[in-house]
N, C-alpha and C. Protein backbone atom coordinates (compact mmCIF):
# COMPACT_ATOMS: atom_id res chain seq x y z
N UNK A 1 -17.62 -6.51 27.89
CA UNK A 1 -17.08 -6.82 26.76
C UNK A 1 -17.01 -6.02 25.72
N UNK A 2 -18.06 -4.98 25.67
CA UNK A 2 -17.83 -3.74 24.94
C UNK A 2 -16.92 -2.69 24.98
N UNK A 3 -16.76 -2.43 26.62
CA UNK A 3 -15.84 -1.81 26.82
C UNK A 3 -14.57 -2.39 26.82
N UNK A 4 -14.15 -3.62 27.11
CA UNK A 4 -13.04 -4.55 26.41
C UNK A 4 -12.38 -4.12 24.70
N UNK A 5 -13.28 -4.38 24.27
CA UNK A 5 -13.01 -4.07 22.35
C UNK A 5 -12.69 -2.67 22.27
N UNK A 6 -13.72 -1.59 22.90
CA UNK A 6 -13.30 -0.05 22.61
C UNK A 6 -11.87 -0.15 23.08
N UNK A 7 -11.59 -0.43 24.43
CA UNK A 7 -10.47 0.05 24.81
C UNK A 7 -9.24 -0.46 24.28
N UNK A 8 -9.34 -2.06 23.75
CA UNK A 8 -8.71 -2.72 22.93
C UNK A 8 -7.83 -1.49 21.63
N UNK A 9 -9.11 -1.16 20.79
CA UNK A 9 -8.69 -0.60 19.82
C UNK A 9 -8.54 0.68 19.97
N UNK A 10 -8.58 1.45 21.09
CA UNK A 10 -8.00 2.74 21.34
C UNK A 10 -6.45 2.47 21.66
N UNK A 11 -6.49 1.61 22.19
CA UNK A 11 -4.82 1.16 22.59
C UNK A 11 -4.18 0.86 21.43
N UNK A 12 -4.91 -0.03 20.39
CA UNK A 12 -4.12 0.06 19.12
C UNK A 12 -3.47 0.86 18.45
N UNK A 13 -4.32 1.61 17.88
CA UNK A 13 -4.20 3.12 17.37
C UNK A 13 -2.52 4.04 17.46
N UNK A 14 -2.20 4.15 18.99
CA UNK A 14 -1.51 4.62 19.41
C UNK A 14 0.06 3.87 19.16
N UNK A 15 -0.24 1.91 19.01
CA UNK A 15 1.00 1.20 19.23
C UNK A 15 1.40 1.33 17.81
N UNK A 16 0.23 1.18 16.81
CA UNK A 16 0.45 1.22 15.40
C UNK A 16 1.15 3.05 15.11
N UNK A 17 0.86 4.02 15.59
CA UNK A 17 1.48 5.07 15.18
C UNK A 17 2.94 5.21 15.67
N UNK A 18 3.34 4.86 16.55
CA UNK A 18 4.53 4.47 17.10
C UNK A 18 5.75 4.02 16.40
N UNK A 19 4.95 2.89 15.66
CA UNK A 19 5.45 2.13 14.83
C UNK A 19 5.69 2.65 13.49
N UNK A 20 5.19 4.11 13.13
CA UNK A 20 5.61 4.38 11.95
C UNK A 20 6.43 5.43 12.06
N UNK A 21 7.30 5.63 11.13
CA UNK A 21 7.97 7.12 11.08
C UNK A 21 7.15 8.42 11.54
N UNK A 22 8.32 9.11 12.35
CA UNK A 22 7.79 10.10 13.44
C UNK A 22 7.42 10.93 12.24
N UNK A 23 8.14 10.58 10.80
CA UNK A 23 8.12 12.06 9.87
C UNK A 23 6.48 12.25 9.09
N UNK A 24 5.45 11.19 9.48
CA UNK A 24 4.29 11.20 8.70
C UNK A 24 3.29 10.19 9.80
N UNK A 25 2.58 10.95 10.72
CA UNK A 25 1.92 10.30 11.66
C UNK A 25 0.80 9.77 10.84
N UNK A 26 0.74 10.06 9.69
CA UNK A 26 -0.70 9.34 8.52
C UNK A 26 -0.05 8.15 8.66
N UNK A 27 0.96 7.21 8.67
CA UNK A 27 1.19 6.29 7.89
C UNK A 27 0.84 5.48 9.47
N UNK A 28 0.19 4.18 8.92
CA UNK A 28 -0.25 3.16 9.65
C UNK A 28 0.73 2.15 9.79
N UNK A 29 1.11 1.98 8.71
CA UNK A 29 2.23 0.03 8.68
C UNK A 29 3.50 0.51 9.51
N UNK A 30 3.71 -1.00 9.56
CA UNK A 30 4.81 -0.93 10.59
C UNK A 30 5.95 -1.29 9.83
N UNK A 31 6.08 -1.41 8.64
CA UNK A 31 6.90 -0.98 7.81
C UNK A 31 7.31 0.37 7.29
N UNK A 32 8.72 0.29 6.98
CA UNK A 32 8.99 1.78 7.09
C UNK A 32 8.51 2.71 6.15
N UNK A 33 7.82 4.11 5.84
CA UNK A 33 7.42 4.06 4.50
C UNK A 33 8.55 5.20 3.99
N UNK A 34 8.80 4.83 2.64
CA UNK A 34 9.48 5.53 1.84
C UNK A 34 8.34 6.03 0.82
N UNK A 35 8.33 7.04 0.67
CA UNK A 35 7.67 7.70 -0.31
C UNK A 35 8.07 7.34 -2.12
N UNK A 36 9.15 7.49 -2.20
CA UNK A 36 9.34 7.29 -3.76
C UNK A 36 11.07 6.29 -3.48
N UNK A 37 10.48 5.43 -4.58
CA UNK A 37 11.97 4.83 -5.06
C UNK A 37 13.11 5.12 -5.68
N UNK A 38 14.46 5.32 -5.59
CA UNK A 38 15.26 6.11 -6.57
C UNK A 38 15.93 4.88 -7.61
N UNK A 39 16.75 5.43 -8.36
CA UNK A 39 17.63 4.34 -9.21
C UNK A 39 18.89 3.90 -8.18
N UNK A 40 19.53 4.75 -7.64
CA UNK A 40 20.09 4.19 -6.42
C UNK A 40 20.11 3.40 -5.42
N UNK A 41 18.68 3.00 -5.32
CA UNK A 41 18.08 1.77 -4.35
C UNK A 41 18.22 0.14 -4.76
N UNK A 42 18.11 0.35 -6.22
CA UNK A 42 17.92 -0.94 -7.10
C UNK A 42 18.82 -1.33 -7.80
N UNK A 43 19.31 -0.17 -8.49
CA UNK A 43 19.98 -0.31 -9.82
C UNK A 43 21.49 0.16 -9.60
N UNK A 44 22.21 -0.87 -9.72
CA UNK A 44 23.58 -0.47 -10.23
C UNK A 44 24.49 -1.28 -11.73
N UNK A 45 23.48 -0.73 -12.77
CA UNK A 45 23.84 -0.90 -14.19
C UNK A 45 24.37 0.66 -14.70
N UNK A 46 24.50 0.80 -16.04
CA UNK A 46 25.02 2.17 -16.13
C UNK A 46 23.95 3.63 -15.91
N UNK A 47 24.85 4.59 -15.39
CA UNK A 47 23.84 5.60 -15.52
C UNK A 47 22.41 5.95 -16.53
N UNK A 48 21.63 6.52 -15.47
CA UNK A 48 20.40 6.69 -16.52
C UNK A 48 20.26 8.08 -16.89
N UNK A 49 21.32 8.76 -16.66
CA UNK A 49 21.16 10.11 -17.22
C UNK A 49 21.34 10.65 -18.51
N UNK A 50 20.32 11.22 -19.09
CA UNK A 50 21.45 11.05 -20.74
C UNK A 50 20.43 10.28 -21.69
N UNK A 51 19.94 9.40 -21.00
CA UNK A 51 19.33 8.58 -21.92
C UNK A 51 17.93 8.80 -23.13
N UNK A 52 17.74 9.73 -22.82
CA UNK A 52 16.25 10.18 -22.97
C UNK A 52 15.18 9.73 -22.56
N UNK A 53 14.02 9.85 -23.26
CA UNK A 53 12.11 9.61 -22.81
C UNK A 53 12.24 8.13 -23.11
N UNK A 54 11.74 7.42 -22.24
CA UNK A 54 11.60 6.56 -21.89
C UNK A 54 10.07 5.76 -22.86
N UNK A 55 9.82 6.95 -23.15
CA UNK A 55 8.47 6.90 -23.57
C UNK A 55 8.11 7.08 -25.11
N UNK A 56 9.53 7.42 -25.60
CA UNK A 56 9.37 7.42 -27.26
C UNK A 56 9.88 6.31 -27.85
N UNK A 57 10.78 4.99 -27.07
CA UNK A 57 10.98 3.79 -27.87
C UNK A 57 9.43 3.18 -27.58
N UNK A 58 9.01 2.31 -28.62
CA UNK A 58 8.29 1.35 -28.44
C UNK A 58 7.89 0.10 -27.67
N UNK A 59 9.19 -0.06 -27.99
CA UNK A 59 9.56 -1.49 -27.23
C UNK A 59 9.61 -1.61 -25.93
N UNK A 60 10.15 0.08 -25.48
CA UNK A 60 10.27 0.04 -23.98
C UNK A 60 8.89 0.00 -23.19
N UNK A 61 8.09 1.18 -23.93
CA UNK A 61 6.42 0.95 -23.50
C UNK A 61 6.23 -0.27 -23.61
N UNK A 62 6.04 -0.99 -24.54
CA UNK A 62 5.86 -2.18 -24.51
C UNK A 62 5.88 -2.94 -23.22
N UNK A 63 7.23 -2.84 -22.89
CA UNK A 63 7.91 -3.78 -21.29
C UNK A 63 6.39 -3.55 -20.79
N UNK A 64 7.17 -1.73 -20.21
CA UNK A 64 6.27 -1.41 -19.14
C UNK A 64 5.00 -1.81 -19.22
N UNK A 65 4.04 -1.38 -20.30
CA UNK A 65 2.95 -2.02 -20.20
C UNK A 65 2.42 -3.81 -19.71
N UNK A 66 3.40 -4.19 -20.25
CA UNK A 66 3.23 -5.46 -19.30
C UNK A 66 3.48 -6.20 -18.34
N UNK A 67 4.72 -5.86 -17.85
CA UNK A 67 5.98 -5.68 -16.41
C UNK A 67 5.27 -5.10 -15.33
N UNK A 68 4.79 -3.34 -15.31
CA UNK A 68 4.53 -2.61 -14.27
C UNK A 68 3.24 -2.78 -13.51
N UNK A 69 2.09 -3.31 -14.11
CA UNK A 69 0.88 -3.13 -13.95
C UNK A 69 1.11 -3.62 -12.20
N UNK A 70 0.12 -3.31 -11.19
CA UNK A 70 0.12 -3.99 -9.64
C UNK A 70 0.01 -5.50 -9.56
N UNK A 71 -0.84 -5.70 -10.62
CA UNK A 71 -1.35 -7.25 -10.64
C UNK A 71 -0.22 -8.28 -11.08
N UNK A 72 0.90 -7.76 -11.63
CA UNK A 72 1.59 -8.71 -12.27
C UNK A 72 2.78 -8.97 -11.47
N UNK A 73 2.95 -10.73 -11.53
CA UNK A 73 3.61 -10.91 -10.53
C UNK A 73 5.22 -10.69 -11.09
N UNK A 74 6.17 -11.00 -10.15
CA UNK A 74 7.52 -10.31 -10.53
C UNK A 74 8.14 -11.14 -11.56
N UNK A 75 7.31 -13.04 -11.30
CA UNK A 75 7.84 -14.18 -12.30
C UNK A 75 7.60 -13.42 -14.09
N UNK A 76 6.02 -13.25 -13.90
CA UNK A 76 5.62 -12.58 -15.54
C UNK A 76 6.01 -11.63 -15.82
N UNK A 77 6.77 -10.37 -14.79
CA UNK A 77 7.05 -9.50 -15.28
C UNK A 77 8.63 -10.03 -16.25
N UNK A 78 9.10 -11.17 -15.02
CA UNK A 78 10.62 -11.48 -15.62
C UNK A 78 10.48 -12.10 -17.48
N UNK A 79 9.63 -12.88 -17.37
CA UNK A 79 9.35 -13.22 -18.35
C UNK A 79 8.98 -12.39 -19.66
N UNK A 80 8.29 -11.00 -19.20
CA UNK A 80 8.14 -10.06 -20.60
C UNK A 80 9.62 -9.37 -20.65
N UNK A 81 10.16 -9.68 -19.61
CA UNK A 81 11.71 -8.89 -19.55
C UNK A 81 12.83 -9.78 -20.45
N UNK A 82 12.98 -11.20 -20.37
CA UNK A 82 13.20 -11.83 -20.94
C UNK A 82 12.82 -12.31 -22.90
N UNK A 83 11.67 -11.74 -22.67
CA UNK A 83 11.06 -11.58 -24.39
C UNK A 83 11.75 -10.11 -24.93
N UNK A 84 11.80 -9.21 -23.89
CA UNK A 84 11.95 -7.95 -24.58
C UNK A 84 13.69 -8.13 -24.82
N UNK A 85 14.62 -8.54 -23.98
CA UNK A 85 15.64 -8.81 -24.48
C UNK A 85 16.05 -9.50 -25.50
N UNK A 86 15.47 -10.53 -25.92
CA UNK A 86 15.71 -11.72 -26.65
C UNK A 86 15.35 -10.92 -28.39
N UNK A 87 14.48 -9.95 -28.36
CA UNK A 87 14.12 -9.61 -29.43
C UNK A 87 14.77 -7.64 -29.69
N UNK A 88 15.80 -7.40 -28.92
CA UNK A 88 16.41 -6.18 -28.70
C UNK A 88 17.24 -6.52 -29.77
N UNK A 89 17.45 -5.28 -30.19
CA UNK A 89 18.38 -4.68 -31.65
C UNK A 89 18.61 -3.29 -30.98
N UNK A 90 19.45 -2.99 -31.73
CA UNK A 90 19.87 -1.21 -32.16
C UNK A 90 21.10 -1.15 -30.59
N UNK A 91 20.89 0.27 -30.07
CA UNK A 91 21.81 0.76 -28.99
C UNK A 91 21.22 -0.34 -27.47
N UNK A 92 21.76 -1.74 -27.24
CA UNK A 92 21.31 -2.54 -26.39
C UNK A 92 21.21 -1.57 -24.73
N UNK A 93 22.52 -1.54 -24.35
CA UNK A 93 22.82 -0.48 -23.61
C UNK A 93 21.79 0.34 -23.15
N UNK A 94 21.52 1.36 -24.19
CA UNK A 94 20.78 2.21 -24.07
C UNK A 94 18.73 1.93 -23.76
N UNK A 95 18.93 0.93 -24.53
CA UNK A 95 17.50 0.76 -24.68
C UNK A 95 17.08 -0.01 -22.82
N UNK A 96 18.24 -0.88 -22.59
CA UNK A 96 18.08 -1.65 -21.55
C UNK A 96 17.88 -0.43 -20.07
N UNK A 97 18.27 0.40 -20.20
CA UNK A 97 18.71 1.76 -19.33
C UNK A 97 17.32 2.42 -19.41
N UNK A 98 17.07 2.64 -20.00
CA UNK A 98 15.14 3.12 -20.34
C UNK A 98 14.44 2.15 -20.02
N UNK A 99 14.16 0.64 -20.44
CA UNK A 99 13.53 -0.26 -19.69
C UNK A 99 13.73 0.21 -18.34
N UNK A 100 14.87 -0.05 -17.55
CA UNK A 100 15.09 0.10 -16.26
C UNK A 100 13.80 1.60 -15.57
N UNK A 101 14.49 2.80 -16.56
CA UNK A 101 13.58 3.74 -16.21
C UNK A 101 12.03 4.18 -16.28
N UNK A 102 11.71 3.00 -17.14
CA UNK A 102 10.26 3.09 -17.30
C UNK A 102 9.97 2.56 -15.91
N UNK A 103 10.12 1.29 -15.81
CA UNK A 103 9.89 0.25 -14.92
C UNK A 103 10.01 1.02 -13.40
N UNK A 104 11.21 1.56 -13.41
CA UNK A 104 11.32 2.92 -12.06
C UNK A 104 9.94 3.58 -11.78
N UNK A 105 9.53 4.42 -13.10
CA UNK A 105 8.98 5.62 -13.23
C UNK A 105 7.43 4.97 -13.07
N UNK A 106 7.04 3.58 -13.49
CA UNK A 106 5.78 3.23 -13.55
C UNK A 106 5.60 2.77 -12.33
N UNK A 107 6.16 2.24 -11.36
CA UNK A 107 6.44 1.36 -10.34
C UNK A 107 6.35 2.65 -8.61
N UNK A 108 6.92 3.54 -9.33
CA UNK A 108 6.77 4.87 -8.42
C UNK A 108 5.32 5.12 -8.05
N UNK A 109 4.87 5.65 -9.39
CA UNK A 109 3.15 5.95 -10.03
C UNK A 109 2.05 5.13 -8.96
N UNK A 110 2.26 3.69 -9.18
CA UNK A 110 1.85 2.85 -8.48
C UNK A 110 1.68 2.76 -6.98
N UNK A 111 3.19 2.80 -6.60
CA UNK A 111 3.62 3.21 -5.24
C UNK A 111 2.54 4.14 -4.62
N UNK A 112 2.63 5.28 -5.54
CA UNK A 112 2.08 6.33 -4.93
C UNK A 112 0.67 6.18 -4.01
N UNK A 113 0.01 6.05 -5.48
CA UNK A 113 -1.35 5.32 -5.54
C UNK A 113 -1.62 4.35 -3.96
N UNK A 114 -1.18 3.49 -4.35
CA UNK A 114 -1.36 2.42 -3.13
C UNK A 114 -0.66 2.94 -1.46
N UNK A 115 -0.01 4.04 -1.35
CA UNK A 115 0.58 5.10 0.02
C UNK A 115 -1.12 5.91 -0.16
N UNK A 116 -1.50 6.00 -0.64
CA UNK A 116 -2.42 6.96 -0.17
C UNK A 116 -3.81 6.34 -0.01
N UNK A 117 -3.80 4.95 -0.77
CA UNK A 117 -5.06 4.60 -0.65
C UNK A 117 -4.59 3.82 0.85
N UNK A 118 -3.90 3.57 1.10
CA UNK A 118 -3.23 2.80 2.76
C UNK A 118 -3.33 4.39 3.83
N UNK A 119 -3.46 5.35 3.78
CA UNK A 119 -3.62 6.69 4.26
C UNK A 119 -4.91 7.03 4.68
N UNK A 120 -5.64 6.35 3.27
CA UNK A 120 -7.30 6.80 3.46
C UNK A 120 -7.95 5.76 4.34
N UNK A 121 -7.72 4.70 4.37
CA UNK A 121 -7.92 3.31 5.01
C UNK A 121 -7.21 3.76 6.46
N UNK A 122 -6.23 4.44 7.07
CA UNK A 122 -6.14 4.51 8.15
C UNK A 122 -6.81 5.61 8.60
N UNK A 123 -7.15 6.74 7.85
CA UNK A 123 -7.87 7.65 8.62
C UNK A 123 -9.70 7.26 8.78
N UNK A 124 -10.07 6.34 8.00
CA UNK A 124 -11.28 5.77 8.00
C UNK A 124 -11.46 5.23 9.51
N UNK A 125 -9.95 4.28 9.67
CA UNK A 125 -9.83 3.46 11.04
C UNK A 125 -9.96 4.50 12.18
N UNK A 126 -8.95 5.29 11.69
CA UNK A 126 -9.45 6.22 12.92
C UNK A 126 -10.59 6.79 13.76
N UNK A 127 -11.15 7.33 12.15
CA UNK A 127 -12.73 7.77 12.74
C UNK A 127 -13.75 6.59 13.32
N UNK A 128 -13.37 5.50 13.15
CA UNK A 128 -14.24 4.34 13.70
C UNK A 128 -13.96 3.93 15.18
N UNK A 129 -12.89 4.00 14.97
CA UNK A 129 -12.15 4.10 16.40
C UNK A 129 -12.86 4.92 16.96
N UNK A 130 -13.14 6.16 16.80
CA UNK A 130 -13.31 7.41 17.82
C UNK A 130 -14.95 7.24 18.00
N UNK A 131 -15.66 6.82 16.94
CA UNK A 131 -16.84 6.73 16.80
C UNK A 131 -17.32 5.26 17.67
N UNK A 132 -16.72 4.05 17.73
CA UNK A 132 -16.46 3.13 18.56
C UNK A 132 -16.61 3.55 20.19
N UNK A 133 -15.96 4.41 20.35
CA UNK A 133 -15.37 4.86 22.00
C UNK A 133 -16.73 5.87 22.70
N UNK A 134 -17.05 6.48 21.34
CA UNK A 134 -18.45 7.46 21.85
C UNK A 134 -19.56 6.51 21.96
N UNK A 135 -19.88 5.40 21.38
CA UNK A 135 -21.05 4.88 21.20
C UNK A 135 -21.03 3.35 22.70
N UNK A 136 -19.79 3.76 23.17
CA UNK A 136 -19.68 2.94 24.18
C UNK A 136 -20.05 3.35 25.16
N UNK A 137 -19.52 4.68 25.26
CA UNK A 137 -19.50 5.99 26.66
C UNK A 137 -21.53 5.74 26.36
N UNK A 138 -22.04 5.76 25.17
CA UNK A 138 -23.43 6.20 25.12
C UNK A 138 -24.14 5.19 26.04
N UNK A 139 -24.00 3.63 25.30
CA UNK A 139 -23.91 2.48 25.94
C UNK A 139 -24.16 2.41 27.80
N UNK A 140 -22.85 2.65 27.68
CA UNK A 140 -22.61 2.69 29.58
C UNK A 140 -23.80 3.52 30.24
N UNK A 141 -23.97 4.85 29.51
CA UNK A 141 -25.15 5.60 30.15
C UNK A 141 -26.35 5.33 29.96
N UNK A 142 -26.84 4.54 28.99
CA UNK A 142 -28.02 4.20 28.57
C UNK A 142 -29.02 3.26 29.83
N UNK A 143 -30.03 3.56 30.07
CA UNK A 143 -30.33 2.89 31.23
C UNK A 143 -30.90 1.28 30.37
N UNK A 144 -30.85 0.54 31.13
CA UNK A 144 -31.10 -1.27 30.54
C UNK A 144 -32.18 -1.29 31.08
N UNK A 145 -32.78 -0.68 32.04
CA UNK A 145 -34.42 -1.26 32.36
C UNK A 145 -35.68 -0.46 31.81
N UNK A 146 -36.83 -0.73 31.77
CA UNK A 146 -37.90 -0.58 30.90
C UNK A 146 -38.36 0.58 31.26
N UNK A 147 -38.20 1.82 30.75
CA UNK A 147 -38.33 3.08 31.01
C UNK A 147 -38.63 3.56 29.85
N UNK A 148 -39.76 3.75 29.54
CA UNK A 148 -40.24 4.41 27.92
C UNK A 148 -39.77 3.87 26.23
N UNK A 149 -39.00 4.03 26.07
CA UNK A 149 -38.58 4.19 25.16
C UNK A 149 -36.94 3.76 24.83
N UNK A 150 -36.22 3.31 26.55
CA UNK A 150 -34.83 3.36 26.66
C UNK A 150 -34.65 1.97 25.95
N UNK A 151 -35.55 0.29 26.60
CA UNK A 151 -35.02 -0.43 25.70
C UNK A 151 -34.68 -0.49 24.20
N UNK A 152 -35.65 0.30 23.10
CA UNK A 152 -35.28 -0.07 22.05
C UNK A 152 -34.20 1.08 21.49
N UNK A 153 -33.89 2.13 22.52
CA UNK A 153 -32.71 3.35 22.47
C UNK A 153 -31.39 2.38 22.48
N UNK A 154 -31.39 1.57 23.70
CA UNK A 154 -30.35 0.75 24.22
C UNK A 154 -30.23 0.22 23.01
N UNK A 155 -30.84 -0.71 22.61
CA UNK A 155 -30.92 -1.82 20.96
C UNK A 155 -30.26 -1.38 19.77
N UNK A 156 -30.57 -0.19 19.57
CA UNK A 156 -30.12 0.52 18.31
C UNK A 156 -28.96 0.92 18.46
N UNK A 157 -28.50 1.63 19.37
CA UNK A 157 -27.00 1.48 19.90
C UNK A 157 -26.48 0.54 19.81
N UNK A 158 -26.81 -0.12 20.35
CA UNK A 158 -25.92 -1.78 20.24
C UNK A 158 -25.43 -1.86 18.87
N UNK A 159 -27.21 -1.98 18.33
CA UNK A 159 -26.61 -2.17 16.74
C UNK A 159 -25.79 -1.92 16.24
N UNK A 160 -25.43 -0.16 16.35
CA UNK A 160 -25.18 0.72 15.65
C UNK A 160 -23.71 0.37 16.14
N UNK A 161 -23.23 -0.09 17.28
CA UNK A 161 -21.62 -0.93 17.99
C UNK A 161 -21.73 -1.83 17.40
N UNK A 162 -22.15 -2.59 17.17
CA UNK A 162 -21.61 -4.06 16.68
C UNK A 162 -21.41 -3.66 15.37
N UNK A 163 -22.05 -2.81 14.52
CA UNK A 163 -21.82 -2.81 13.34
C UNK A 163 -20.55 -1.87 12.75
N UNK A 164 -20.08 -0.71 13.68
CA UNK A 164 -18.99 -0.33 14.00
C UNK A 164 -17.81 -0.77 13.82
N UNK A 165 -18.27 -1.70 15.21
CA UNK A 165 -16.54 -2.79 15.46
C UNK A 165 -16.56 -3.63 14.36
N UNK A 166 -17.78 -3.91 13.54
CA UNK A 166 -17.57 -4.98 12.26
C UNK A 166 -16.57 -4.11 11.42
N UNK A 167 -17.10 -3.16 10.56
CA UNK A 167 -16.28 -2.11 10.13
C UNK A 167 -14.97 -2.14 10.15
N UNK A 168 -14.62 -1.64 11.68
CA UNK A 168 -13.22 -1.15 11.95
C UNK A 168 -12.46 -2.90 11.99
N UNK A 169 -12.58 -3.82 12.27
CA UNK A 169 -12.18 -5.40 11.73
C UNK A 169 -11.64 -5.30 10.98
N UNK A 170 -12.73 -4.99 9.93
CA UNK A 170 -12.99 -5.35 8.23
C UNK A 170 -11.82 -4.04 7.29
N UNK A 171 -11.83 -3.33 7.94
CA UNK A 171 -10.43 -1.86 8.07
C UNK A 171 -9.55 -2.79 8.14
N UNK A 172 -9.15 -3.34 9.33
CA UNK A 172 -7.96 -3.58 10.16
C UNK A 172 -7.54 -4.92 8.88
N UNK A 173 -8.42 -5.81 8.89
CA UNK A 173 -7.95 -7.04 8.00
C UNK A 173 -7.36 -6.30 6.68
N UNK A 174 -7.77 -5.43 6.07
CA UNK A 174 -7.70 -5.35 4.75
C UNK A 174 -6.06 -4.02 5.08
N UNK A 175 -6.29 -3.93 5.80
CA UNK A 175 -4.94 -3.03 6.44
C UNK A 175 -3.77 -3.71 6.12
N UNK A 176 -3.94 -4.94 7.01
CA UNK A 176 -2.32 -5.83 6.80
C UNK A 176 -1.84 -6.46 5.69
N UNK A 177 -2.91 -6.45 4.79
CA UNK A 177 -2.89 -6.82 3.26
C UNK A 177 -2.07 -5.50 2.72
N UNK A 178 -2.71 -4.54 2.82
CA UNK A 178 -2.53 -3.19 1.92
C UNK A 178 -1.27 -3.06 2.32
N UNK A 179 -0.97 -3.18 3.67
CA UNK A 179 0.88 -2.64 3.99
C UNK A 179 2.09 -3.46 3.00
N UNK A 180 1.61 -4.64 3.22
CA UNK A 180 2.10 -5.52 1.87
C UNK A 180 2.62 -5.77 0.47
N UNK A 181 1.90 -4.55 0.23
CA UNK A 181 1.92 -4.35 -1.68
C UNK A 181 2.78 -3.48 -1.46
N UNK A 182 3.37 -2.34 -0.94
CA UNK A 182 4.78 -1.52 -1.21
C UNK A 182 5.94 -2.29 -1.38
N UNK A 183 5.76 -3.45 -0.18
CA UNK A 183 6.87 -4.46 0.35
C UNK A 183 6.79 -4.80 -1.26
N UNK A 184 5.84 -5.45 -1.86
CA UNK A 184 5.78 -6.60 -2.55
C UNK A 184 6.25 -5.96 -4.24
N UNK A 185 5.63 -4.57 -4.44
CA UNK A 185 6.70 -3.55 -5.46
C UNK A 185 7.90 -3.77 -5.54
N UNK A 186 8.38 -3.31 -4.37
CA UNK A 186 9.87 -2.83 -4.04
C UNK A 186 10.62 -4.07 -3.97
N UNK A 187 10.16 -5.06 -3.79
CA UNK A 187 11.01 -6.41 -3.99
C UNK A 187 10.92 -6.66 -5.50
N UNK A 188 9.97 -6.72 -6.17
CA UNK A 188 9.59 -7.21 -7.65
C UNK A 188 10.25 -5.57 -8.56
N UNK A 189 10.73 -4.74 -8.27
CA UNK A 189 11.39 -3.74 -8.87
C UNK A 189 13.00 -4.47 -9.42
N UNK A 190 13.35 -4.83 -7.62
CA UNK A 190 14.47 -5.21 -7.42
C UNK A 190 14.81 -6.73 -8.58
N UNK A 191 13.74 -7.39 -8.52
CA UNK A 191 14.44 -8.62 -9.48
C UNK A 191 14.37 -8.10 -10.93
N UNK A 192 13.81 -6.97 -11.27
CA UNK A 192 13.72 -6.37 -12.72
C UNK A 192 14.72 -6.11 -13.23
N UNK A 193 15.36 -5.09 -11.98
CA UNK A 193 16.67 -4.51 -12.04
C UNK A 193 17.51 -5.28 -12.16
N UNK A 194 17.82 -6.68 -11.50
CA UNK A 194 18.29 -7.83 -12.04
C UNK A 194 18.73 -8.54 -13.28
N UNK A 195 17.06 -8.86 -13.42
CA UNK A 195 17.43 -9.20 -14.73
C UNK A 195 18.20 -8.39 -15.52
N UNK A 196 17.85 -7.40 -15.80
CA UNK A 196 18.04 -6.45 -16.86
C UNK A 196 19.15 -5.86 -16.80
N UNK A 197 20.07 -6.10 -15.39
CA UNK A 197 21.59 -5.86 -15.32
C UNK A 197 22.29 -6.89 -15.72
N UNK A 198 21.37 -8.53 -15.78
CA UNK A 198 22.19 -9.33 -16.01
C UNK A 198 22.89 -9.38 -17.97
N UNK A 199 21.65 -9.11 -18.54
CA UNK A 199 21.90 -8.60 -20.12
C UNK A 199 22.79 -8.12 -20.52
N UNK A 200 23.68 -6.97 -19.14
CA UNK A 200 24.58 -6.03 -19.94
C UNK A 200 25.54 -6.85 -19.58
N UNK A 201 25.61 -7.90 -18.72
CA UNK A 201 27.12 -8.64 -18.42
C UNK A 201 27.85 -9.14 -19.07
C-alpha cells in the first residue's frame, strides 16, 4: 500500500507540471498562469493614460480600500462601487477611470502575492514527494523480523512515512483551493469593470 501511494504521488507531479504553461515550471495549477492583468483584458471604458495618480484622489483610494482586498466578495465590492458612484462629483469620467486603475493595480498586487504562495506550496509539495519516495525505499530495505533494534527503527520509519504522506495530502488539498484564487480575483475585477463602465454610458 505504501509503495502504491508513493508511486501515485510521484506520477501525479509530472501530470500537474504538464498541465502548466511551459514558460513557468514552478506553476502547479491547471489554470493558465497570467502573471499580471492589463486594462485591455477587462476594461472597455475610456483610456486610462493621462488620468493622473489614483492615489491622489481620496474618494478613489477609499473605494480601493473597500473593494480590492482579497476577502471582499464581488457583491460587496459592487455595493462599494455603487456608493462611490452615487456620491461622485467633479470630473466623473476621470474619477471612474482612476477608480478602475486603482482596482486594477491593487488586484495585481494581491494576485502577485497569491501566485507566490502557490509556487511556495508547489515547492513544498515536490519536496514532500521526494521525501516519501526516499522513506518508501528505506522501508522496503528495512528488515521486518526481530533483529536487535530493527523493529523499532522500522516503526519510526513507518511513522515518518505516515506523517509525511498526510502532510502531502494536506498540501494537495490546500493547492486545489489556492489555484482558484487568481481566477476568482480575475472574475471579480471584470465585474468591477462592468459596473464602472455602466456609469459612463
